[in-house]
Amino acid sequence: MFFGGINYSWISTLIKCPKIVNSESYQKKVISRCRVFTDMDKEFGKWNWILMQDGAPAHTSRSTKEYLSKKCSVLENWPPNSPDLNPIENLWGIMGKRISLEAPKTEKKLEAIVRRVWKNIEWGVIENLVSSMEKRLRLVVEHNGESINGHF
């Protein structure tokens, strides 16, 4: 498993996650290593950006919330069954298709391919995913909270 972050003009370092990700390992070995705080603060100013995560227990624990509350604003109350809203989840899907074409046979080969695919993601793909966020939110409202897969 890997951790990565994007915004319209930025892509994080790709971090290989420990085999077991709990609150402590997420804070110390994952999110603090990807430079999201320093890079986003430099780009937008401290507290002028919002971190969006999924509902993984390591992301939503009291300890992680406390840790993050000292670093940045965090988007809370994210719809639990709406990965189609999150631009990074869509990027993981695009990457998964590209990676599967190469059918890596070992964990080492898989990691190398994941890193190469991440490094070679086109900026247009990232820009489209991030800029389509408003449209996706509108679609969710129009579809009464149901899945919007296939609607954009």
N, C-alpha and C. Protein backbone atom coordinates (compact mmCIF):
# COMPACT_ATOMS: atom_id res chain seq x y z
N MET A 1 0.84 -1.17 0.00
CA MET A 1 0.00 0.00 0.00
C MET A 1 0.89 1.24 0.00
N PHE A 2 0.39 2.29 -0.66
CA PHE A 2 1.15 3.53 -0.80
C PHE A 2 0.29 4.71 -0.38
N PHE A 3 0.97 5.79 -0.03
CA PHE A 3 0.31 7.05 0.29
C PHE A 3 0.82 8.09 -0.67
N GLY A 4 -0.09 8.86 -1.21
CA GLY A 4 0.29 9.98 -2.07
C GLY A 4 -0.76 11.06 -1.97
N GLY A 5 -0.36 12.26 -2.32
CA GLY A 5 -1.29 13.38 -2.29
C GLY A 5 -1.14 14.22 -3.53
N ILE A 6 -2.25 14.88 -3.90
CA ILE A 6 -2.24 15.76 -5.07
C ILE A 6 -3.05 17.02 -4.78
N ASN A 7 -2.73 18.06 -5.51
CA ASN A 7 -3.63 19.19 -5.68
C ASN A 7 -3.42 19.67 -7.11
N TYR A 8 -4.04 20.75 -7.47
CA TYR A 8 -4.02 21.20 -8.86
C TYR A 8 -2.60 21.40 -9.40
N SER A 9 -1.67 21.80 -8.54
CA SER A 9 -0.32 22.11 -9.02
C SER A 9 0.78 21.37 -8.26
N TRP A 10 0.43 20.27 -7.60
CA TRP A 10 1.41 19.60 -6.73
C TRP A 10 1.11 18.12 -6.67
N ILE A 11 2.18 17.35 -6.60
CA ILE A 11 2.07 15.91 -6.36
C ILE A 11 3.10 15.56 -5.29
N SER A 12 2.68 14.79 -4.30
CA SER A 12 3.57 14.47 -3.18
C SER A 12 4.60 13.43 -3.58
N THR A 13 5.54 13.27 -2.69
CA THR A 13 6.40 12.11 -2.73
C THR A 13 5.51 10.90 -2.48
N LEU A 14 5.77 9.80 -3.15
CA LEU A 14 5.01 8.58 -2.92
C LEU A 14 5.64 7.83 -1.75
N ILE A 15 4.86 7.52 -0.76
CA ILE A 15 5.35 6.86 0.45
C ILE A 15 4.83 5.43 0.49
N LYS A 16 5.74 4.47 0.63
CA LYS A 16 5.32 3.09 0.84
C LYS A 16 4.94 2.95 2.31
N CYS A 17 3.74 2.49 2.54
CA CYS A 17 3.23 2.37 3.91
C CYS A 17 3.77 1.12 4.58
N PRO A 18 3.88 1.16 5.91
CA PRO A 18 4.24 -0.06 6.63
C PRO A 18 3.16 -1.13 6.38
N LYS A 19 3.51 -2.39 6.63
CA LYS A 19 2.55 -3.48 6.41
C LYS A 19 1.27 -3.27 7.22
N ILE A 20 1.43 -2.80 8.45
CA ILE A 20 0.28 -2.50 9.30
C ILE A 20 0.29 -0.99 9.55
N VAL A 21 -0.80 -0.33 9.16
CA VAL A 21 -0.90 1.11 9.36
C VAL A 21 -1.88 1.38 10.49
N ASN A 22 -1.33 1.91 11.58
CA ASN A 22 -2.17 2.36 12.68
C ASN A 22 -1.95 3.86 12.83
N SER A 23 -2.57 4.45 13.81
CA SER A 23 -2.46 5.90 13.98
C SER A 23 -1.01 6.36 14.10
N GLU A 24 -0.24 5.66 14.91
CA GLU A 24 1.15 6.06 15.14
C GLU A 24 1.98 5.94 13.87
N SER A 25 1.89 4.81 13.18
CA SER A 25 2.69 4.65 11.96
C SER A 25 2.23 5.60 10.86
N TYR A 26 0.93 5.88 10.80
CA TYR A 26 0.42 6.82 9.81
C TYR A 26 1.01 8.21 10.04
N GLN A 27 1.04 8.62 11.29
CA GLN A 27 1.56 9.95 11.61
C GLN A 27 3.07 10.05 11.42
N LYS A 28 3.80 9.06 11.92
CA LYS A 28 5.26 9.14 11.94
C LYS A 28 5.94 8.64 10.67
N LYS A 29 5.37 7.62 10.04
CA LYS A 29 6.05 6.99 8.91
C LYS A 29 5.41 7.29 7.56
N VAL A 30 4.24 7.91 7.59
CA VAL A 30 3.55 8.14 6.32
C VAL A 30 3.37 9.64 6.08
N ILE A 31 2.39 10.22 6.72
CA ILE A 31 2.00 11.58 6.35
C ILE A 31 3.08 12.62 6.64
N SER A 32 3.85 12.45 7.69
CA SER A 32 4.90 13.43 7.98
C SER A 32 6.05 13.33 6.97
N ARG A 33 6.20 12.20 6.31
CA ARG A 33 7.30 12.01 5.35
C ARG A 33 6.97 12.49 3.95
N CYS A 34 5.70 12.74 3.64
CA CYS A 34 5.36 13.09 2.26
C CYS A 34 5.50 14.58 1.99
N ARG A 35 5.84 15.36 2.96
CA ARG A 35 6.07 16.80 2.85
C ARG A 35 4.80 17.60 2.59
N VAL A 36 3.64 16.99 2.81
CA VAL A 36 2.39 17.68 2.52
C VAL A 36 2.28 18.98 3.32
N PHE A 37 2.68 18.97 4.57
CA PHE A 37 2.52 20.16 5.41
C PHE A 37 3.43 21.29 4.94
N THR A 38 4.72 20.99 4.76
CA THR A 38 5.65 22.04 4.35
C THR A 38 5.35 22.53 2.94
N ASP A 39 5.05 21.60 2.04
CA ASP A 39 4.79 22.01 0.65
C ASP A 39 3.51 22.83 0.53
N MET A 40 2.44 22.40 1.18
CA MET A 40 1.17 23.12 1.08
C MET A 40 1.23 24.47 1.80
N ASP A 41 1.90 24.50 2.97
CA ASP A 41 2.05 25.77 3.68
C ASP A 41 2.83 26.77 2.82
N LYS A 42 3.87 26.28 2.16
CA LYS A 42 4.68 27.15 1.29
C LYS A 42 3.86 27.64 0.10
N GLU A 43 3.09 26.75 -0.49
CA GLU A 43 2.30 27.08 -1.69
C GLU A 43 1.12 27.99 -1.39
N PHE A 44 0.39 27.72 -0.30
CA PHE A 44 -0.87 28.41 -0.04
C PHE A 44 -0.89 29.24 1.24
N GLY A 45 0.12 29.04 2.09
CA GLY A 45 0.13 29.71 3.39
C GLY A 45 -0.45 28.80 4.45
N LYS A 46 0.10 28.90 5.65
CA LYS A 46 -0.35 28.03 6.75
C LYS A 46 -1.84 28.23 6.98
N TRP A 47 -2.57 27.13 7.10
CA TRP A 47 -4.00 27.08 7.35
C TRP A 47 -4.86 27.53 6.16
N ASN A 48 -4.26 27.73 5.00
CA ASN A 48 -5.02 28.15 3.82
C ASN A 48 -5.27 27.01 2.84
N TRP A 49 -5.21 25.81 3.31
CA TRP A 49 -5.50 24.63 2.49
C TRP A 49 -6.16 23.58 3.38
N ILE A 50 -6.80 22.62 2.75
CA ILE A 50 -7.55 21.60 3.50
C ILE A 50 -7.07 20.21 3.09
N LEU A 51 -6.79 19.38 4.07
CA LEU A 51 -6.40 17.99 3.83
C LEU A 51 -7.66 17.14 3.71
N MET A 52 -7.73 16.37 2.64
CA MET A 52 -8.86 15.46 2.41
C MET A 52 -8.33 14.04 2.51
N GLN A 53 -8.93 13.23 3.37
CA GLN A 53 -8.54 11.84 3.54
C GLN A 53 -9.78 10.96 3.45
N ASP A 54 -9.56 9.66 3.34
CA ASP A 54 -10.72 8.76 3.41
C ASP A 54 -10.97 8.42 4.88
N GLY A 55 -11.88 7.52 5.13
CA GLY A 55 -12.28 7.21 6.49
C GLY A 55 -11.50 6.08 7.15
N ALA A 56 -10.31 5.78 6.67
CA ALA A 56 -9.51 4.71 7.27
C ALA A 56 -9.31 5.00 8.76
N PRO A 57 -9.36 3.97 9.60
CA PRO A 57 -9.22 4.18 11.05
C PRO A 57 -7.97 4.97 11.44
N ALA A 58 -6.86 4.75 10.76
CA ALA A 58 -5.64 5.49 11.09
C ALA A 58 -5.79 6.98 10.79
N HIS A 59 -6.65 7.32 9.84
CA HIS A 59 -6.88 8.73 9.48
C HIS A 59 -7.84 9.42 10.43
N THR A 60 -8.74 8.65 11.02
CA THR A 60 -9.83 9.25 11.80
C THR A 60 -9.72 9.04 13.31
N SER A 61 -8.64 8.42 13.75
CA SER A 61 -8.49 8.19 15.19
C SER A 61 -8.34 9.51 15.93
N ARG A 62 -8.64 9.48 17.21
CA ARG A 62 -8.50 10.67 18.04
C ARG A 62 -7.06 11.18 17.99
N SER A 63 -6.10 10.27 18.07
CA SER A 63 -4.69 10.63 18.05
C SER A 63 -4.31 11.34 16.75
N THR A 64 -4.76 10.81 15.61
CA THR A 64 -4.44 11.43 14.33
C THR A 64 -5.14 12.77 14.18
N LYS A 65 -6.38 12.85 14.60
CA LYS A 65 -7.10 14.13 14.53
C LYS A 65 -6.38 15.20 15.35
N GLU A 66 -5.90 14.80 16.53
CA GLU A 66 -5.16 15.73 17.38
C GLU A 66 -3.86 16.15 16.71
N TYR A 67 -3.13 15.19 16.17
CA TYR A 67 -1.88 15.46 15.45
C TYR A 67 -2.12 16.44 14.30
N LEU A 68 -3.13 16.15 13.48
CA LEU A 68 -3.41 16.99 12.32
C LEU A 68 -3.94 18.36 12.70
N SER A 69 -4.64 18.46 13.83
CA SER A 69 -5.21 19.75 14.23
C SER A 69 -4.14 20.80 14.49
N LYS A 70 -2.92 20.35 14.72
CA LYS A 70 -1.80 21.27 14.94
C LYS A 70 -1.07 21.60 13.64
N LYS A 71 -1.44 20.91 12.55
CA LYS A 71 -0.71 21.04 11.29
C LYS A 71 -1.52 21.72 10.18
N CYS A 72 -2.83 21.43 10.12
CA CYS A 72 -3.62 21.89 8.98
C CYS A 72 -5.10 21.76 9.26
N SER A 73 -5.90 22.29 8.35
CA SER A 73 -7.35 22.07 8.40
C SER A 73 -7.64 20.75 7.71
N VAL A 74 -8.58 19.99 8.25
CA VAL A 74 -8.91 18.68 7.70
C VAL A 74 -10.39 18.67 7.34
N LEU A 75 -10.70 18.17 6.16
CA LEU A 75 -12.09 18.02 5.75
C LEU A 75 -12.70 16.89 6.56
N GLU A 76 -13.67 17.22 7.38
CA GLU A 76 -14.34 16.23 8.22
C GLU A 76 -15.66 15.84 7.57
N ASN A 77 -16.29 14.83 8.12
CA ASN A 77 -17.61 14.39 7.66
C ASN A 77 -17.64 14.04 6.18
N TRP A 78 -16.62 13.38 5.73
CA TRP A 78 -16.56 12.92 4.35
C TRP A 78 -17.53 11.76 4.18
N PRO A 79 -18.34 11.75 3.11
CA PRO A 79 -19.28 10.64 2.92
C PRO A 79 -18.54 9.30 2.88
N PRO A 80 -18.86 8.36 3.76
CA PRO A 80 -18.09 7.13 3.90
C PRO A 80 -18.11 6.22 2.67
N ASN A 81 -19.14 6.29 1.88
CA ASN A 81 -19.23 5.40 0.72
C ASN A 81 -19.10 6.16 -0.59
N SER A 82 -18.27 7.18 -0.60
CA SER A 82 -18.15 8.02 -1.79
C SER A 82 -16.71 8.19 -2.26
N PRO A 83 -16.00 7.09 -2.49
CA PRO A 83 -14.63 7.25 -2.98
C PRO A 83 -14.59 7.92 -4.35
N ASP A 84 -15.70 7.86 -5.10
CA ASP A 84 -15.73 8.49 -6.42
C ASP A 84 -15.65 10.01 -6.34
N LEU A 85 -15.81 10.58 -5.16
CA LEU A 85 -15.68 12.03 -5.00
C LEU A 85 -14.23 12.47 -4.85
N ASN A 86 -13.41 11.64 -4.27
CA ASN A 86 -12.05 12.02 -3.91
C ASN A 86 -11.12 11.90 -5.11
N PRO A 87 -10.50 13.02 -5.53
CA PRO A 87 -9.62 12.96 -6.71
C PRO A 87 -8.50 11.92 -6.60
N ILE A 88 -7.93 11.74 -5.41
CA ILE A 88 -6.83 10.78 -5.30
C ILE A 88 -7.32 9.36 -5.51
N GLU A 89 -8.53 9.04 -5.09
CA GLU A 89 -9.06 7.70 -5.31
C GLU A 89 -9.23 7.43 -6.81
N ASN A 90 -9.64 8.45 -7.54
CA ASN A 90 -9.74 8.32 -8.99
C ASN A 90 -8.36 8.13 -9.61
N LEU A 91 -7.37 8.83 -9.07
CA LEU A 91 -6.00 8.67 -9.57
C LEU A 91 -5.49 7.26 -9.30
N TRP A 92 -5.78 6.71 -8.11
CA TRP A 92 -5.36 5.33 -7.81
C TRP A 92 -6.00 4.37 -8.82
N GLY A 93 -7.24 4.63 -9.21
CA GLY A 93 -7.91 3.78 -10.20
C GLY A 93 -7.22 3.84 -11.56
N ILE A 94 -6.85 5.04 -11.98
CA ILE A 94 -6.12 5.21 -13.25
C ILE A 94 -4.79 4.48 -13.18
N MET A 95 -4.08 4.66 -12.07
CA MET A 95 -2.79 4.00 -11.90
C MET A 95 -2.95 2.48 -11.89
N GLY A 96 -3.98 1.99 -11.21
CA GLY A 96 -4.21 0.54 -11.14
C GLY A 96 -4.35 -0.07 -12.52
N LYS A 97 -5.06 0.61 -13.41
CA LYS A 97 -5.21 0.11 -14.78
C LYS A 97 -3.87 0.06 -15.50
N ARG A 98 -3.07 1.11 -15.32
CA ARG A 98 -1.75 1.16 -15.98
C ARG A 98 -0.82 0.09 -15.41
N ILE A 99 -0.86 -0.09 -14.11
CA ILE A 99 0.01 -1.08 -13.46
C ILE A 99 -0.38 -2.49 -13.87
N SER A 100 -1.67 -2.76 -13.95
CA SER A 100 -2.13 -4.12 -14.29
C SER A 100 -1.71 -4.53 -15.70
N LEU A 101 -1.51 -3.57 -16.58
CA LEU A 101 -1.05 -3.90 -17.94
C LEU A 101 0.32 -4.55 -17.93
N GLU A 102 1.10 -4.26 -16.89
CA GLU A 102 2.45 -4.81 -16.80
C GLU A 102 2.51 -6.10 -15.99
N ALA A 103 1.45 -6.45 -15.31
CA ALA A 103 1.33 -7.71 -14.56
C ALA A 103 2.59 -8.05 -13.76
N PRO A 104 2.96 -7.20 -12.78
CA PRO A 104 4.15 -7.50 -11.99
C PRO A 104 3.99 -8.81 -11.22
N LYS A 105 5.07 -9.58 -11.16
CA LYS A 105 5.02 -10.91 -10.53
C LYS A 105 5.57 -10.92 -9.11
N THR A 106 6.35 -9.91 -8.76
CA THR A 106 6.92 -9.87 -7.41
C THR A 106 6.58 -8.53 -6.76
N GLU A 107 6.67 -8.51 -5.44
CA GLU A 107 6.40 -7.27 -4.71
C GLU A 107 7.41 -6.18 -5.10
N LYS A 108 8.66 -6.59 -5.30
CA LYS A 108 9.69 -5.63 -5.68
C LYS A 108 9.38 -5.00 -7.04
N LYS A 109 8.96 -5.83 -8.01
CA LYS A 109 8.60 -5.30 -9.34
C LYS A 109 7.37 -4.41 -9.25
N LEU A 110 6.41 -4.83 -8.44
CA LEU A 110 5.20 -4.03 -8.26
C LEU A 110 5.56 -2.64 -7.72
N GLU A 111 6.40 -2.60 -6.70
CA GLU A 111 6.78 -1.31 -6.13
C GLU A 111 7.47 -0.44 -7.16
N ALA A 112 8.37 -1.01 -7.94
CA ALA A 112 9.07 -0.24 -8.98
C ALA A 112 8.09 0.32 -10.01
N ILE A 113 7.13 -0.50 -10.41
CA ILE A 113 6.15 -0.06 -11.41
C ILE A 113 5.25 1.03 -10.82
N VAL A 114 4.81 0.84 -9.59
CA VAL A 114 3.96 1.85 -8.94
C VAL A 114 4.69 3.19 -8.89
N ARG A 115 5.95 3.16 -8.49
CA ARG A 115 6.73 4.40 -8.40
C ARG A 115 6.91 5.05 -9.77
N ARG A 116 7.16 4.24 -10.79
CA ARG A 116 7.34 4.78 -12.14
C ARG A 116 6.03 5.39 -12.66
N VAL A 117 4.93 4.67 -12.46
CA VAL A 117 3.63 5.18 -12.93
C VAL A 117 3.29 6.48 -12.21
N TRP A 118 3.51 6.53 -10.89
CA TRP A 118 3.25 7.75 -10.12
C TRP A 118 4.07 8.91 -10.66
N LYS A 119 5.35 8.66 -10.88
CA LYS A 119 6.26 9.70 -11.37
C LYS A 119 5.86 10.21 -12.75
N ASN A 120 5.26 9.34 -13.56
CA ASN A 120 4.94 9.70 -14.94
C ASN A 120 3.48 10.10 -15.17
N ILE A 121 2.72 10.27 -14.10
CA ILE A 121 1.33 10.73 -14.27
C ILE A 121 1.36 12.10 -14.94
N GLU A 122 0.56 12.26 -15.95
CA GLU A 122 0.52 13.52 -16.69
C GLU A 122 -0.18 14.60 -15.84
N TRP A 123 0.33 15.84 -15.89
CA TRP A 123 -0.28 16.93 -15.13
C TRP A 123 -1.72 17.15 -15.54
N GLY A 124 -2.03 16.96 -16.81
CA GLY A 124 -3.41 17.13 -17.26
C GLY A 124 -4.37 16.20 -16.54
N VAL A 125 -3.93 14.99 -16.24
CA VAL A 125 -4.77 14.04 -15.52
C VAL A 125 -5.07 14.57 -14.12
N ILE A 126 -4.03 15.03 -13.43
CA ILE A 126 -4.20 15.56 -12.07
C ILE A 126 -5.09 16.81 -12.10
N GLU A 127 -4.81 17.71 -13.02
CA GLU A 127 -5.60 18.94 -13.12
C GLU A 127 -7.07 18.62 -13.37
N ASN A 128 -7.35 17.67 -14.26
CA ASN A 128 -8.74 17.30 -14.55
C ASN A 128 -9.43 16.70 -13.32
N LEU A 129 -8.71 15.84 -12.59
CA LEU A 129 -9.31 15.23 -11.40
C LEU A 129 -9.65 16.27 -10.35
N VAL A 130 -8.72 17.19 -10.11
CA VAL A 130 -8.94 18.20 -9.08
C VAL A 130 -9.99 19.21 -9.53
N SER A 131 -9.91 19.66 -10.78
CA SER A 131 -10.85 20.69 -11.23
C SER A 131 -12.27 20.15 -11.41
N SER A 132 -12.43 18.83 -11.50
CA SER A 132 -13.77 18.26 -11.65
C SER A 132 -14.47 18.04 -10.30
N MET A 133 -13.81 18.39 -9.22
CA MET A 133 -14.37 18.17 -7.88
C MET A 133 -15.73 18.85 -7.70
N GLU A 134 -15.83 20.10 -8.11
CA GLU A 134 -17.09 20.83 -7.95
C GLU A 134 -18.22 20.14 -8.72
N LYS A 135 -17.92 19.68 -9.93
CA LYS A 135 -18.93 18.99 -10.74
C LYS A 135 -19.37 17.70 -10.04
N ARG A 136 -18.41 16.97 -9.48
CA ARG A 136 -18.75 15.72 -8.78
C ARG A 136 -19.64 15.97 -7.57
N LEU A 137 -19.34 17.02 -6.83
CA LEU A 137 -20.17 17.35 -5.67
C LEU A 137 -21.60 17.68 -6.11
N ARG A 138 -21.72 18.45 -7.19
CA ARG A 138 -23.05 18.78 -7.71
C ARG A 138 -23.81 17.52 -8.12
N LEU A 139 -23.11 16.60 -8.78
CA LEU A 139 -23.75 15.35 -9.22
C LEU A 139 -24.25 14.52 -8.05
N VAL A 140 -23.47 14.48 -6.97
CA VAL A 140 -23.89 13.73 -5.78
C VAL A 140 -25.20 14.30 -5.24
N VAL A 141 -25.28 15.62 -5.17
CA VAL A 141 -26.51 16.25 -4.69
C VAL A 141 -27.67 15.91 -5.63
N GLU A 142 -27.43 16.02 -6.95
CA GLU A 142 -28.48 15.72 -7.93
C GLU A 142 -28.94 14.26 -7.86
N HIS A 143 -28.03 13.36 -7.47
CA HIS A 143 -28.35 11.93 -7.39
C HIS A 143 -28.66 11.49 -5.96
N ASN A 144 -29.02 12.45 -5.12
CA ASN A 144 -29.43 12.16 -3.74
C ASN A 144 -28.42 11.32 -2.97
N GLY A 145 -27.15 11.58 -3.17
CA GLY A 145 -26.11 10.89 -2.43
C GLY A 145 -25.71 9.54 -2.98
N GLU A 146 -26.34 9.10 -4.05
CA GLU A 146 -26.00 7.81 -4.66
C GLU A 146 -24.69 7.93 -5.44
N SER A 147 -24.14 6.79 -5.82
CA SER A 147 -22.89 6.75 -6.58
C SER A 147 -23.03 7.55 -7.87
N ILE A 148 -21.95 8.22 -8.22
CA ILE A 148 -21.94 8.98 -9.47
C ILE A 148 -21.01 8.35 -10.50
N ASN A 149 -20.53 7.15 -10.22
CA ASN A 149 -19.68 6.47 -11.20
C ASN A 149 -20.42 6.39 -12.52
N GLY A 150 -19.73 6.73 -13.60
CA GLY A 150 -20.33 6.67 -14.92
C GLY A 150 -21.07 7.94 -15.32
N HIS A 151 -21.11 8.94 -14.43
CA HIS A 151 -21.81 10.19 -14.75
C HIS A 151 -20.88 11.33 -15.13
N PHE A 152 -19.59 11.09 -15.15
CA PHE A 152 -18.68 12.16 -15.55
C PHE A 152 -17.53 11.60 -16.32
